Amino acid sequence: MANSRHAEIYRSGRVFLAGDAAHVFNAGGSALNVGLQDAIDLAGRLNAVLREQAPLEELDAYQAVRHPAGEHALTQTRAQAALAATDPSSRALRNVLGEILTARSTARRLAELMEDA
């Protein structure tokens, strides 16, 4: 996961971080989705403030909402990378998880976690 990183702060004054400027993940698809969601969230907030439909403090909520989403995606992609590794520990983990995932409720919960990423 040497290529995975996550900014601590998404806003400093008039400067905002979104997408790859805010976070880089090992798995490209997850990063693209999170980056698009960052942009959509920030655009909506900026639009509301500029049109005076929301107070300036609305921009502070961007960090509160999007930083945890970035952290969650980073956790998910690190887990995926660990499972994809070819070392003996990763193979053992895949085998154990394969057995656990035969339970429908467990598989459903894992799917929910991945969907939230």
PDB file of N, CA and C in Angstrom:
ATOM      1  N   MET A   1       0.808  -1.166   0.000  1.00  0.00           N
ATOM      2  CA  MET A   1       0.000   0.000   0.000  1.00  0.00           C
ATOM      3  C   MET A   1       0.871   1.257   0.000  1.00  0.00           C
ATOM      4  N   ALA A   2       2.060   1.141  -0.564  1.00  0.00           N
ATOM      5  CA  ALA A   2       2.967   2.283  -0.587  1.00  0.00           C
ATOM      6  C   ALA A   2       2.373   3.450  -1.362  1.00  0.00           C
ATOM      7  N   ASN A   3       1.469   3.179  -2.291  1.00  0.00           N
ATOM      8  CA  ASN A   3       0.881   4.236  -3.093  1.00  0.00           C
ATOM      9  C   ASN A   3      -0.411   4.781  -2.483  1.00  0.00           C
ATOM     10  N   SER A   4      -0.804   4.336  -1.319  1.00  0.00           N
ATOM     11  CA  SER A   4      -2.027   4.808  -0.670  1.00  0.00           C
ATOM     12  C   SER A   4      -1.681   5.892   0.346  1.00  0.00           C
ATOM     13  N   ARG A   5      -2.416   7.015   0.245  1.00  0.00           N
ATOM     14  CA  ARG A   5      -2.221   8.086   1.223  1.00  0.00           C
ATOM     15  C   ARG A   5      -3.487   8.927   1.315  1.00  0.00           C
ATOM     16  N   HIS A   6      -3.572   9.674   2.403  1.00  0.00           N
ATOM     17  CA  HIS A   6      -4.802  10.405   2.708  1.00  0.00           C
ATOM     18  C   HIS A   6      -4.453  11.698   3.433  1.00  0.00           C
ATOM     19  N   ALA A   7      -4.921  12.823   2.904  1.00  0.00           N
ATOM     20  CA  ALA A   7      -4.645  14.122   3.527  1.00  0.00           C
ATOM     21  C   ALA A   7      -5.385  14.234   4.858  1.00  0.00           C
ATOM     22  N   GLU A   8      -4.748  14.851   5.824  1.00  0.00           N
ATOM     23  CA  GLU A   8      -5.384  15.075   7.128  1.00  0.00           C
ATOM     24  C   GLU A   8      -6.465  16.147   7.054  1.00  0.00           C
ATOM     25  N   ILE A   9      -6.218  17.151   6.236  1.00  0.00           N
ATOM     26  CA  ILE A   9      -7.121  18.301   6.155  1.00  0.00           C
ATOM     27  C   ILE A   9      -7.521  18.507   4.699  1.00  0.00           C
ATOM     28  N   TYR A  10      -8.822  18.643   4.452  1.00  0.00           N
ATOM     29  CA  TYR A  10      -9.339  18.856   3.103  1.00  0.00           C
ATOM     30  C   TYR A  10      -9.569  20.338   2.793  1.00  0.00           C
ATOM     31  N   ARG A  11      -9.511  21.181   3.814  1.00  0.00           N
ATOM     32  CA  ARG A  11      -9.706  22.611   3.592  1.00  0.00           C
ATOM     33  C   ARG A  11      -8.743  23.410   4.449  1.00  0.00           C
ATOM     34  N   SER A  12      -8.137  24.404   3.819  1.00  0.00           N
ATOM     35  CA  SER A  12      -7.321  25.368   4.540  1.00  0.00           C
ATOM     36  C   SER A  12      -7.650  26.729   3.943  1.00  0.00           C
ATOM     37  N   GLY A  13      -8.475  27.482   4.644  1.00  0.00           N
ATOM     38  CA  GLY A  13      -8.901  28.783   4.131  1.00  0.00           C
ATOM     39  C   GLY A  13      -9.694  28.636   2.857  1.00  0.00           C
ATOM     40  N   ARG A  14      -9.171  29.217   1.780  1.00  0.00           N
ATOM     41  CA  ARG A  14      -9.857  29.169   0.490  1.00  0.00           C
ATOM     42  C   ARG A  14      -9.392  28.020  -0.393  1.00  0.00           C
ATOM     43  N   VAL A  15      -8.536  27.149   0.146  1.00  0.00           N
ATOM     44  CA  VAL A  15      -8.008  26.017  -0.611  1.00  0.00           C
ATOM     45  C   VAL A  15      -8.702  24.736  -0.160  1.00  0.00           C
ATOM     46  N   PHE A  16      -9.223  23.983  -1.130  1.00  0.00           N
ATOM     47  CA  PHE A  16      -9.895  22.715  -0.856  1.00  0.00           C
ATOM     48  C   PHE A  16      -9.174  21.595  -1.589  1.00  0.00           C
ATOM     49  N   LEU A  17      -9.127  20.429  -0.971  1.00  0.00           N
ATOM     50  CA  LEU A  17      -8.596  19.236  -1.621  1.00  0.00           C
ATOM     51  C   LEU A  17      -9.758  18.301  -1.931  1.00  0.00           C
ATOM     52  N   ALA A  18      -9.721  17.702  -3.108  1.00  0.00           N
ATOM     53  CA  ALA A  18     -10.726  16.724  -3.509  1.00  0.00           C
ATOM     54  C   ALA A  18     -10.051  15.713  -4.425  1.00  0.00           C
ATOM     55  N   GLY A  19     -10.635  14.545  -4.536  1.00  0.00           N
ATOM     56  CA  GLY A  19     -10.111  13.522  -5.434  1.00  0.00           C
ATOM     57  C   GLY A  19      -8.680  13.135  -5.095  1.00  0.00           C
ATOM     58  N   ASP A  20      -7.850  12.976  -6.136  1.00  0.00           N
ATOM     59  CA  ASP A  20      -6.473  12.521  -5.928  1.00  0.00           C
ATOM     60  C   ASP A  20      -5.632  13.503  -5.121  1.00  0.00           C
ATOM     61  N   ALA A  21      -6.028  14.754  -5.047  1.00  0.00           N
ATOM     62  CA  ALA A  21      -5.302  15.720  -4.215  1.00  0.00           C
ATOM     63  C   ALA A  21      -5.543  15.429  -2.730  1.00  0.00           C
ATOM     64  N   ALA A  22      -6.687  14.818  -2.420  1.00  0.00           N
ATOM     65  CA  ALA A  22      -7.042  14.524  -1.032  1.00  0.00           C
ATOM     66  C   ALA A  22      -6.675  13.095  -0.631  1.00  0.00           C
ATOM     67  N   HIS A  23      -6.704  12.192  -1.590  1.00  0.00           N
ATOM     68  CA  HIS A  23      -6.464  10.781  -1.272  1.00  0.00           C
ATOM     69  C   HIS A  23      -6.047  10.015  -2.515  1.00  0.00           C
ATOM     70  N   VAL A  24      -5.163   9.061  -2.328  1.00  0.00           N
ATOM     71  CA  VAL A  24      -4.739   8.160  -3.389  1.00  0.00           C
ATOM     72  C   VAL A  24      -4.862   6.753  -2.840  1.00  0.00           C
ATOM     73  N   PHE A  25      -5.567   5.906  -3.586  1.00  0.00           N
ATOM     74  CA  PHE A  25      -5.809   4.529  -3.153  1.00  0.00           C
ATOM     75  C   PHE A  25      -5.170   3.560  -4.132  1.00  0.00           C
ATOM     76  N   ASN A  26      -4.880   2.362  -3.638  1.00  0.00           N
ATOM     77  CA  ASN A  26      -4.327   1.302  -4.472  1.00  0.00           C
ATOM     78  C   ASN A  26      -5.292   0.884  -5.574  1.00  0.00           C
ATOM     79  N   ALA A  27      -6.569   0.821  -5.269  1.00  0.00           N
ATOM     80  CA  ALA A  27      -7.578   0.353  -6.225  1.00  0.00           C
ATOM     81  C   ALA A  27      -8.202   1.544  -6.942  1.00  0.00           C
ATOM     82  N   GLY A  28      -8.035   1.617  -8.252  1.00  0.00           N
ATOM     83  CA  GLY A  28      -8.480   2.761  -9.027  1.00  0.00           C
ATOM     84  C   GLY A  28      -9.970   3.029  -9.005  1.00  0.00           C
ATOM     85  N   GLY A  29     -10.810   2.006  -9.099  1.00  0.00           N
ATOM     86  CA  GLY A  29     -12.248   2.215  -9.148  1.00  0.00           C
ATOM     87  C   GLY A  29     -12.785   2.903  -7.909  1.00  0.00           C
ATOM     88  N   SER A  30     -12.329   2.481  -6.758  1.00  0.00           N
ATOM     89  CA  SER A  30     -12.775   3.106  -5.507  1.00  0.00           C
ATOM     90  C   SER A  30     -12.342   4.556  -5.451  1.00  0.00           C
ATOM     91  N   ALA A  31     -11.118   4.831  -5.870  1.00  0.00           N
ATOM     92  CA  ALA A  31     -10.610   6.199  -5.821  1.00  0.00           C
ATOM     93  C   ALA A  31     -11.414   7.108  -6.741  1.00  0.00           C
ATOM     94  N   LEU A  32     -11.777   6.608  -7.898  1.00  0.00           N
ATOM     95  CA  LEU A  32     -12.556   7.408  -8.835  1.00  0.00           C
ATOM     96  C   LEU A  32     -13.913   7.758  -8.236  1.00  0.00           C
ATOM     97  N   ASN A  33     -14.582   6.783  -7.665  1.00  0.00           N
ATOM     98  CA  ASN A  33     -15.891   7.035  -7.058  1.00  0.00           C
ATOM     99  C   ASN A  33     -15.805   8.033  -5.911  1.00  0.00           C
ATOM    100  N   VAL A  34     -14.843   7.872  -5.037  1.00  0.00           N
ATOM    101  CA  VAL A  34     -14.701   8.767  -3.894  1.00  0.00           C
ATOM    102  C   VAL A  34     -14.343  10.171  -4.364  1.00  0.00           C
ATOM    103  N   GLY A  35     -13.481  10.267  -5.361  1.00  0.00           N
ATOM    104  CA  GLY A  35     -13.114  11.569  -5.908  1.00  0.00           C
ATOM    105  C   GLY A  35     -14.300  12.290  -6.525  1.00  0.00           C
ATOM    106  N   LEU A  36     -15.130  11.570  -7.265  1.00  0.00           N
ATOM    107  CA  LEU A  36     -16.339  12.174  -7.843  1.00  0.00           C
ATOM    108  C   LEU A  36     -17.297  12.636  -6.757  1.00  0.00           C
ATOM    109  N   GLN A  37     -17.436  11.829  -5.716  1.00  0.00           N
ATOM    110  CA  GLN A  37     -18.312  12.208  -4.609  1.00  0.00           C
ATOM    111  C   GLN A  37     -17.773  13.438  -3.887  1.00  0.00           C
ATOM    112  N   ASP A  38     -16.451  13.541  -3.760  1.00  0.00           N
ATOM    113  CA  ASP A  38     -15.843  14.748  -3.191  1.00  0.00           C
ATOM    114  C   ASP A  38     -16.247  15.968  -4.013  1.00  0.00           C
ATOM    115  N   ALA A  39     -16.071  15.863  -5.329  1.00  0.00           N
ATOM    116  CA  ALA A  39     -16.356  16.993  -6.212  1.00  0.00           C
ATOM    117  C   ALA A  39     -17.822  17.396  -6.159  1.00  0.00           C
ATOM    118  N   ILE A  40     -18.710  16.425  -6.157  1.00  0.00           N
ATOM    119  CA  ILE A  40     -20.147  16.717  -6.102  1.00  0.00           C
ATOM    120  C   ILE A  40     -20.503  17.393  -4.789  1.00  0.00           C
ATOM    121  N   ASP A  41     -19.985  16.871  -3.685  1.00  0.00           N
ATOM    122  CA  ASP A  41     -20.272  17.456  -2.372  1.00  0.00           C
ATOM    123  C   ASP A  41     -19.761  18.889  -2.295  1.00  0.00           C
ATOM    124  N   LEU A  42     -18.515  19.088  -2.695  1.00  0.00           N
ATOM    125  CA  LEU A  42     -17.914  20.418  -2.622  1.00  0.00           C
ATOM    126  C   LEU A  42     -18.629  21.401  -3.550  1.00  0.00           C
ATOM    127  N   ALA A  43     -18.961  20.968  -4.748  1.00  0.00           N
ATOM    128  CA  ALA A  43     -19.649  21.856  -5.698  1.00  0.00           C
ATOM    129  C   ALA A  43     -20.996  22.313  -5.135  1.00  0.00           C
ATOM    130  N   GLY A  44     -21.727  21.408  -4.531  1.00  0.00           N
ATOM    131  CA  GLY A  44     -23.017  21.773  -3.952  1.00  0.00           C
ATOM    132  C   GLY A  44     -22.874  22.785  -2.832  1.00  0.00           C
ATOM    133  N   ARG A  45     -21.878  22.580  -1.995  1.00  0.00           N
ATOM    134  CA  ARG A  45     -21.652  23.509  -0.882  1.00  0.00           C
ATOM    135  C   ARG A  45     -21.200  24.880  -1.387  1.00  0.00           C
ATOM    136  N   LEU A  46     -20.264  24.890  -2.331  1.00  0.00           N
ATOM    137  CA  LEU A  46     -19.795  26.163  -2.885  1.00  0.00           C
ATOM    138  C   LEU A  46     -20.942  26.916  -3.571  1.00  0.00           C
ATOM    139  N   ASN A  47     -21.741  26.201  -4.314  1.00  0.00           N
ATOM    140  CA  ASN A  47     -22.878  26.816  -4.993  1.00  0.00           C
ATOM    141  C   ASN A  47     -23.843  27.454  -3.978  1.00  0.00           C
ATOM    142  N   ALA A  48     -24.156  26.726  -2.927  1.00  0.00           N
ATOM    143  CA  ALA A  48     -25.088  27.250  -1.920  1.00  0.00           C
ATOM    144  C   ALA A  48     -24.530  28.495  -1.236  1.00  0.00           C
ATOM    145  N   VAL A  49     -23.244  28.481  -0.921  1.00  0.00           N
ATOM    146  CA  VAL A  49     -22.625  29.641  -0.258  1.00  0.00           C
ATOM    147  C   VAL A  49     -22.561  30.831  -1.215  1.00  0.00           C
ATOM    148  N   LEU A  50     -22.140  30.593  -2.455  1.00  0.00           N
ATOM    149  CA  LEU A  50     -22.029  31.686  -3.417  1.00  0.00           C
ATOM    150  C   LEU A  50     -23.380  32.311  -3.754  1.00  0.00           C
ATOM    151  N   ARG A  51     -24.423  31.521  -3.714  1.00  0.00           N
ATOM    152  CA  ARG A  51     -25.773  32.038  -3.984  1.00  0.00           C
ATOM    153  C   ARG A  51     -26.442  32.559  -2.710  1.00  0.00           C
ATOM    154  N   GLU A  52     -25.670  32.560  -1.627  1.00  0.00           N
ATOM    155  CA  GLU A  52     -26.140  33.032  -0.325  1.00  0.00           C
ATOM    156  C   GLU A  52     -27.351  32.258   0.176  1.00  0.00           C
ATOM    157  N   GLN A  53     -27.380  30.966  -0.155  1.00  0.00           N
ATOM    158  CA  GLN A  53     -28.423  30.064   0.319  1.00  0.00           C
ATOM    159  C   GLN A  53     -27.948  29.273   1.542  1.00  0.00           C
ATOM    160  N   ALA A  54     -26.689  29.440   1.885  1.00  0.00           N
ATOM    161  CA  ALA A  54     -26.104  28.772   3.055  1.00  0.00           C
ATOM    162  C   ALA A  54     -25.021  29.692   3.609  1.00  0.00           C
ATOM    163  N   PRO A  55     -24.775  29.609   4.923  1.00  0.00           N
ATOM    164  CA  PRO A  55     -23.714  30.437   5.514  1.00  0.00           C
ATOM    165  C   PRO A  55     -22.336  29.918   5.118  1.00  0.00           C
ATOM    166  N   LEU A  56     -21.338  30.748   5.253  1.00  0.00           N
ATOM    167  CA  LEU A  56     -19.958  30.384   4.927  1.00  0.00           C
ATOM    168  C   LEU A  56     -19.506  29.135   5.690  1.00  0.00           C
ATOM    169  N   GLU A  57     -20.034  28.938   6.893  1.00  0.00           N
ATOM    170  CA  GLU A  57     -19.664  27.770   7.715  1.00  0.00           C
ATOM    171  C   GLU A  57     -20.043  26.441   7.047  1.00  0.00           C
ATOM    172  N   GLU A  58     -20.926  26.509   6.066  1.00  0.00           N
ATOM    173  CA  GLU A  58     -21.311  25.295   5.331  1.00  0.00           C
ATOM    174  C   GLU A  58     -20.085  24.631   4.700  1.00  0.00           C
ATOM    175  N   LEU A  59     -19.099  25.430   4.352  1.00  0.00           N
ATOM    176  CA  LEU A  59     -17.891  24.881   3.733  1.00  0.00           C
ATOM    177  C   LEU A  59     -17.084  24.036   4.721  1.00  0.00           C
ATOM    178  N   ASP A  60     -17.217  24.315   6.010  1.00  0.00           N
ATOM    179  CA  ASP A  60     -16.514  23.518   7.021  1.00  0.00           C
ATOM    180  C   ASP A  60     -17.051  22.095   7.069  1.00  0.00           C
ATOM    181  N   ALA A  61     -18.316  21.907   6.706  1.00  0.00           N
ATOM    182  CA  ALA A  61     -18.924  20.577   6.741  1.00  0.00           C
ATOM    183  C   ALA A  61     -18.327  19.647   5.687  1.00  0.00           C
ATOM    184  N   TYR A  62     -17.696  20.212   4.665  1.00  0.00           N
ATOM    185  CA  TYR A  62     -17.051  19.383   3.630  1.00  0.00           C
ATOM    186  C   TYR A  62     -16.033  18.436   4.268  1.00  0.00           C
ATOM    187  N   GLN A  63     -15.180  18.957   5.123  1.00  0.00           N
ATOM    188  CA  GLN A  63     -14.181  18.136   5.827  1.00  0.00           C
ATOM    189  C   GLN A  63     -14.862  17.067   6.673  1.00  0.00           C
ATOM    190  N   ALA A  64     -15.887  17.474   7.397  1.00  0.00           N
ATOM    191  CA  ALA A  64     -16.572  16.552   8.314  1.00  0.00           C
ATOM    192  C   ALA A  64     -17.229  15.387   7.586  1.00  0.00           C
ATOM    193  N   VAL A  65     -17.674  15.611   6.369  1.00  0.00           N
ATOM    194  CA  VAL A  65     -18.361  14.566   5.608  1.00  0.00           C
ATOM    195  C   VAL A  65     -17.394  13.755   4.747  1.00  0.00           C
ATOM    196  N   ARG A  66     -16.538  14.427   4.016  1.00  0.00           N
ATOM    197  CA  ARG A  66     -15.726  13.735   3.023  1.00  0.00           C
ATOM    198  C   ARG A  66     -14.477  13.068   3.594  1.00  0.00           C
ATOM    199  N   HIS A  67     -13.885  13.608   4.656  1.00  0.00           N
ATOM    200  CA  HIS A  67     -12.689  12.969   5.232  1.00  0.00           C
ATOM    201  C   HIS A  67     -12.991  11.553   5.724  1.00  0.00           C
ATOM    202  N   PRO A  68     -14.084  11.341   6.479  1.00  0.00           N
ATOM    203  CA  PRO A  68     -14.393   9.964   6.886  1.00  0.00           C
ATOM    204  C   PRO A  68     -14.660   9.041   5.687  1.00  0.00           C
ATOM    205  N   ALA A  69     -15.254   9.570   4.626  1.00  0.00           N
ATOM    206  CA  ALA A  69     -15.495   8.754   3.434  1.00  0.00           C
ATOM    207  C   ALA A  69     -14.164   8.342   2.800  1.00  0.00           C
ATOM    208  N   GLY A  70     -13.211   9.259   2.753  1.00  0.00           N
ATOM    209  CA  GLY A  70     -11.883   8.929   2.233  1.00  0.00           C
ATOM    210  C   GLY A  70     -11.178   7.901   3.098  1.00  0.00           C
ATOM    211  N   GLU A  71     -11.290   8.054   4.404  1.00  0.00           N
ATOM    212  CA  GLU A  71     -10.672   7.099   5.343  1.00  0.00           C
ATOM    213  C   GLU A  71     -11.280   5.706   5.176  1.00  0.00           C
ATOM    214  N   HIS A  72     -12.599   5.661   5.025  1.00  0.00           N
ATOM    215  CA  HIS A  72     -13.284   4.378   4.837  1.00  0.00           C
ATOM    216  C   HIS A  72     -12.817   3.698   3.547  1.00  0.00           C
ATOM    217  N   ALA A  73     -12.737   4.461   2.469  1.00  0.00           N
ATOM    218  CA  ALA A  73     -12.284   3.897   1.202  1.00  0.00           C
ATOM    219  C   ALA A  73     -10.837   3.417   1.296  1.00  0.00           C
ATOM    220  N   LEU A  74     -10.007   4.166   1.996  1.00  0.00           N
ATOM    221  CA  LEU A  74      -8.612   3.764   2.176  1.00  0.00           C
ATOM    222  C   LEU A  74      -8.530   2.433   2.927  1.00  0.00           C
ATOM    223  N   THR A  75      -9.330   2.282   3.967  1.00  0.00           N
ATOM    224  CA  THR A  75      -9.363   1.027   4.721  1.00  0.00           C
ATOM    225  C   THR A  75      -9.786  -0.135   3.825  1.00  0.00           C
ATOM    226  N   GLN A  76     -10.828   0.098   3.024  1.00  0.00           N
ATOM    227  CA  GLN A  76     -11.321  -0.955   2.132  1.00  0.00           C
ATOM    228  C   GLN A  76     -10.269  -1.355   1.097  1.00  0.00           C
ATOM    229  N   THR A  77      -9.603  -0.387   0.490  1.00  0.00           N
ATOM    230  CA  THR A  77      -8.631  -0.720  -0.545  1.00  0.00           C
ATOM    231  C   THR A  77      -7.385  -1.380   0.045  1.00  0.00           C
ATOM    232  N   ARG A  78      -7.027  -1.002   1.259  1.00  0.00           N
ATOM    233  CA  ARG A  78      -5.900  -1.680   1.909  1.00  0.00           C
ATOM    234  C   ARG A  78      -6.245  -3.136   2.199  1.00  0.00           C
ATOM    235  N   ALA A  79      -7.477  -3.377   2.619  1.00  0.00           N
ATOM    236  CA  ALA A  79      -7.915  -4.754   2.872  1.00  0.00           C
ATOM    237  C   ALA A  79      -7.904  -5.552   1.569  1.00  0.00           C
ATOM    238  N   GLN A  80      -8.388  -4.952   0.489  1.00  0.00           N
ATOM    239  CA  GLN A  80      -8.382  -5.637  -0.810  1.00  0.00           C
ATOM    240  C   GLN A  80      -6.957  -5.954  -1.257  1.00  0.00           C
ATOM    241  N   ALA A  81      -6.047  -5.012  -1.055  1.00  0.00           N
ATOM    242  CA  ALA A  81      -4.654  -5.242  -1.437  1.00  0.00           C
ATOM    243  C   ALA A  81      -4.037  -6.361  -0.606  1.00  0.00           C
ATOM    244  N   ALA A  82      -4.352  -6.394   0.677  1.00  0.00           N
ATOM    245  CA  ALA A  82      -3.824  -7.461   1.536  1.00  0.00           C
ATOM    246  C   ALA A  82      -4.339  -8.826   1.086  1.00  0.00           C
ATOM    247  N   LEU A  83      -5.599  -8.879   0.687  1.00  0.00           N
ATOM    248  CA  LEU A  83      -6.167 -10.141   0.221  1.00  0.00           C
ATOM    249  C   LEU A  83      -5.605 -10.559  -1.135  1.00  0.00           C
ATOM    250  N   ALA A  84      -5.214  -9.601  -1.942  1.00  0.00           N
ATOM    251  CA  ALA A  84      -4.703  -9.902  -3.282  1.00  0.00           C
ATOM    252  C   ALA A  84      -3.233 -10.304  -3.270  1.00  0.00           C
ATOM    253  N   ALA A  85      -2.535 -10.064  -2.184  1.00  0.00           N
ATOM    254  CA  ALA A  85      -1.108 -10.399  -2.105  1.00  0.00           C
ATOM    255  C   ALA A  85      -0.920 -11.912  -2.237  1.00  0.00           C
ATOM    256  N   THR A  86       0.275 -12.311  -2.613  1.00  0.00           N
ATOM    257  CA  THR A  86       0.541 -13.728  -2.875  1.00  0.00           C
ATOM    258  C   THR A  86       1.357 -14.418  -1.783  1.00  0.00           C
ATOM    259  N   ASP A  87       1.626 -13.712  -0.691  1.00  0.00           N
ATOM    260  CA  ASP A  87       2.421 -14.322   0.374  1.00  0.00           C
ATOM    261  C   ASP A  87       1.585 -15.356   1.140  1.00  0.00           C
ATOM    262  N   PRO A  88       2.233 -16.233   1.907  1.00  0.00           N
ATOM    263  CA  PRO A  88       1.511 -17.286   2.630  1.00  0.00           C
ATOM    264  C   PRO A  88       0.444 -16.750   3.605  1.00  0.00           C
ATOM    265  N   SER A  89       0.714 -15.644   4.256  1.00  0.00           N
ATOM    266  CA  SER A  89      -0.267 -15.085   5.188  1.00  0.00           C
ATOM    267  C   SER A  89      -1.529 -14.634   4.457  1.00  0.00           C
ATOM    268  N   SER A  90      -1.372 -14.012   3.319  1.00  0.00           N
ATOM    269  CA  SER A  90      -2.535 -13.569   2.541  1.00  0.00           C
ATOM    270  C   SER A  90      -3.329 -14.751   2.011  1.00  0.00           C
ATOM    271  N   ARG A  91      -2.636 -15.797   1.569  1.00  0.00           N
ATOM    272  CA  ARG A  91      -3.341 -17.003   1.104  1.00  0.00           C
ATOM    273  C   ARG A  91      -4.128 -17.625   2.241  1.00  0.00           C
ATOM    274  N   ALA A  92      -3.524 -17.675   3.426  1.00  0.00           N
ATOM    275  CA  ALA A  92      -4.230 -18.228   4.583  1.00  0.00           C
ATOM    276  C   ALA A  92      -5.462 -17.382   4.922  1.00  0.00           C
ATOM    277  N   LEU A  93      -5.295 -16.086   4.878  1.00  0.00           N
ATOM    278  CA  LEU A  93      -6.427 -15.190   5.158  1.00  0.00           C
ATOM    279  C   LEU A  93      -7.551 -15.399   4.143  1.00  0.00           C
ATOM    280  N   ARG A  94      -7.210 -15.516   2.862  1.00  0.00           N
ATOM    281  CA  ARG A  94      -8.232 -15.767   1.835  1.00  0.00           C
ATOM    282  C   ARG A  94      -8.956 -17.079   2.081  1.00  0.00           C
ATOM    283  N   ASN A  95      -8.229 -18.103   2.491  1.00  0.00           N
ATOM    284  CA  ASN A  95      -8.864 -19.394   2.775  1.00  0.00           C
ATOM    285  C   ASN A  95      -9.840 -19.300   3.938  1.00  0.00           C
ATOM    286  N   VAL A  96      -9.417 -18.647   5.009  1.00  0.00           N
ATOM    287  CA  VAL A  96     -10.295 -18.498   6.181  1.00  0.00           C
ATOM    288  C   VAL A  96     -11.521 -17.677   5.820  1.00  0.00           C
ATOM    289  N   LEU A  97     -11.302 -16.558   5.135  1.00  0.00           N
ATOM    290  CA  LEU A  97     -12.442 -15.728   4.740  1.00  0.00           C
ATOM    291  C   LEU A  97     -13.372 -16.467   3.784  1.00  0.00           C
ATOM    292  N   GLY A  98     -12.812 -17.286   2.916  1.00  0.00           N
ATOM    293  CA  GLY A  98     -13.641 -18.087   2.011  1.00  0.00           C
ATOM    294  C   GLY A  98     -14.582 -18.990   2.768  1.00  0.00           C
ATOM    295  N   GLU A  99     -14.100 -19.574   3.845  1.00  0.00           N
ATOM    296  CA  GLU A  99     -14.961 -20.428   4.675  1.00  0.00           C
ATOM    297  C   GLU A  99     -16.022 -19.596   5.399  1.00  0.00           C
ATOM    298  N   ILE A 100     -15.616 -18.478   5.944  1.00  0.00           N
ATOM    299  CA  ILE A 100     -16.547 -17.618   6.684  1.00  0.00           C
ATOM    300  C   ILE A 100     -17.647 -17.074   5.769  1.00  0.00           C
ATOM    301  N   LEU A 101     -17.280 -16.746   4.538  1.00  0.00           N
ATOM    302  CA  LEU A 101     -18.233 -16.121   3.620  1.00  0.00           C
ATOM    303  C   LEU A 101     -19.282 -17.072   3.064  1.00  0.00           C
ATOM    304  N   THR A 102     -19.196 -18.334   3.426  1.00  0.00           N
ATOM    305  CA  THR A 102     -20.271 -19.239   3.011  1.00  0.00           C
ATOM    306  C   THR A 102     -21.553 -18.937   3.779  1.00  0.00           C
ATOM    307  N   ALA A 103     -21.447 -18.235   4.900  1.00  0.00           N
ATOM    308  CA  ALA A 103     -22.639 -17.800   5.635  1.00  0.00           C
ATOM    309  C   ALA A 103     -23.231 -16.598   4.902  1.00  0.00           C
ATOM    310  N   ARG A 104     -24.482 -16.705   4.523  1.00  0.00           N
ATOM    311  CA  ARG A 104     -25.140 -15.668   3.726  1.00  0.00           C
ATOM    312  C   ARG A 104     -25.122 -14.302   4.410  1.00  0.00           C
ATOM    313  N   SER A 105     -25.347 -14.262   5.716  1.00  0.00           N
ATOM    314  CA  SER A 105     -25.379 -12.981   6.431  1.00  0.00           C
ATOM    315  C   SER A 105     -24.000 -12.314   6.426  1.00  0.00           C
ATOM    316  N   THR A 106     -22.955 -13.106   6.518  1.00  0.00           N
ATOM    317  CA  THR A 106     -21.599 -12.564   6.493  1.00  0.00           C
ATOM    318  C   THR A 106     -21.275 -12.008   5.106  1.00  0.00           C
ATOM    319  N   ALA A 107     -21.621 -12.741   4.082  1.00  0.00           N
ATOM    320  CA  ALA A 107     -21.381 -12.282   2.718  1.00  0.00           C
ATOM    321  C   ALA A 107     -22.165 -11.001   2.442  1.00  0.00           C
ATOM    322  N   ARG A 108     -23.392 -10.934   2.936  1.00  0.00           N
ATOM    323  CA  ARG A 108     -24.207  -9.738   2.738  1.00  0.00           C
ATOM    324  C   ARG A 108     -23.574  -8.533   3.432  1.00  0.00           C
ATOM    325  N   ARG A 109     -23.092  -8.729   4.657  1.00  0.00           N
ATOM    326  CA  ARG A 109     -22.466  -7.637   5.390  1.00  0.00           C
ATOM    327  C   ARG A 109     -21.193  -7.147   4.694  1.00  0.00           C
ATOM    328  N   LEU A 110     -20.399  -8.074   4.177  1.00  0.00           N
ATOM    329  CA  LEU A 110     -19.189  -7.689   3.442  1.00  0.00           C
ATOM    330  C   LEU A 110     -19.564  -6.869   2.199  1.00  0.00           C
ATOM    331  N   ALA A 111     -20.597  -7.293   1.507  1.00  0.00           N
ATOM    332  CA  ALA A 111     -21.063  -6.536   0.339  1.00  0.00           C
ATOM    333  C   ALA A 111     -21.497  -5.127   0.733  1.00  0.00           C
ATOM    334  N   GLU A 112     -22.162  -4.999   1.870  1.00  0.00           N
ATOM    335  CA  GLU A 112     -22.575  -3.675   2.360  1.00  0.00           C
ATOM    336  C   GLU A 112     -21.358  -2.800   2.655  1.00  0.00           C
ATOM    337  N   LEU A 113     -20.344  -3.374   3.275  1.00  0.00           N
ATOM    338  CA  LEU A 113     -19.125  -2.609   3.571  1.00  0.00           C
ATOM    339  C   LEU A 113     -18.464  -2.124   2.288  1.00  0.00           C
ATOM    340  N   MET A 114     -18.419  -2.984   1.293  1.00  0.00           N
ATOM    341  CA  MET A 114     -17.787  -2.611   0.031  1.00  0.00           C
ATOM    342  C   MET A 114     -18.635  -1.570  -0.704  1.00  0.00           C
ATOM    343  N   GLU A 115     -19.932  -1.657  -0.572  1.00  0.00           N
ATOM    344  CA  GLU A 115     -20.823  -0.692  -1.216  1.00  0.00           C
ATOM    345  C   GLU A 115     -20.649   0.707  -0.622  1.00  0.00           C
ATOM    346  N   ASP A 116     -20.391   0.776   0.666  1.00  0.00           N
ATOM    347  CA  ASP A 116     -20.227   2.065   1.346  1.00  0.00           C
ATOM    348  C   ASP A 116     -18.922   2.746   0.967  1.00  0.00           C
ATOM    349  N   ALA A 117     -17.981   1.981   0.414  1.00  0.00           N
ATOM    350  CA  ALA A 117     -16.682   2.554   0.066  1.00  0.00           C
ATOM    351  C   ALA A 117     -16.777   3.439  -1.072  1.00  0.00           C
TER     352      ALA A 117
END
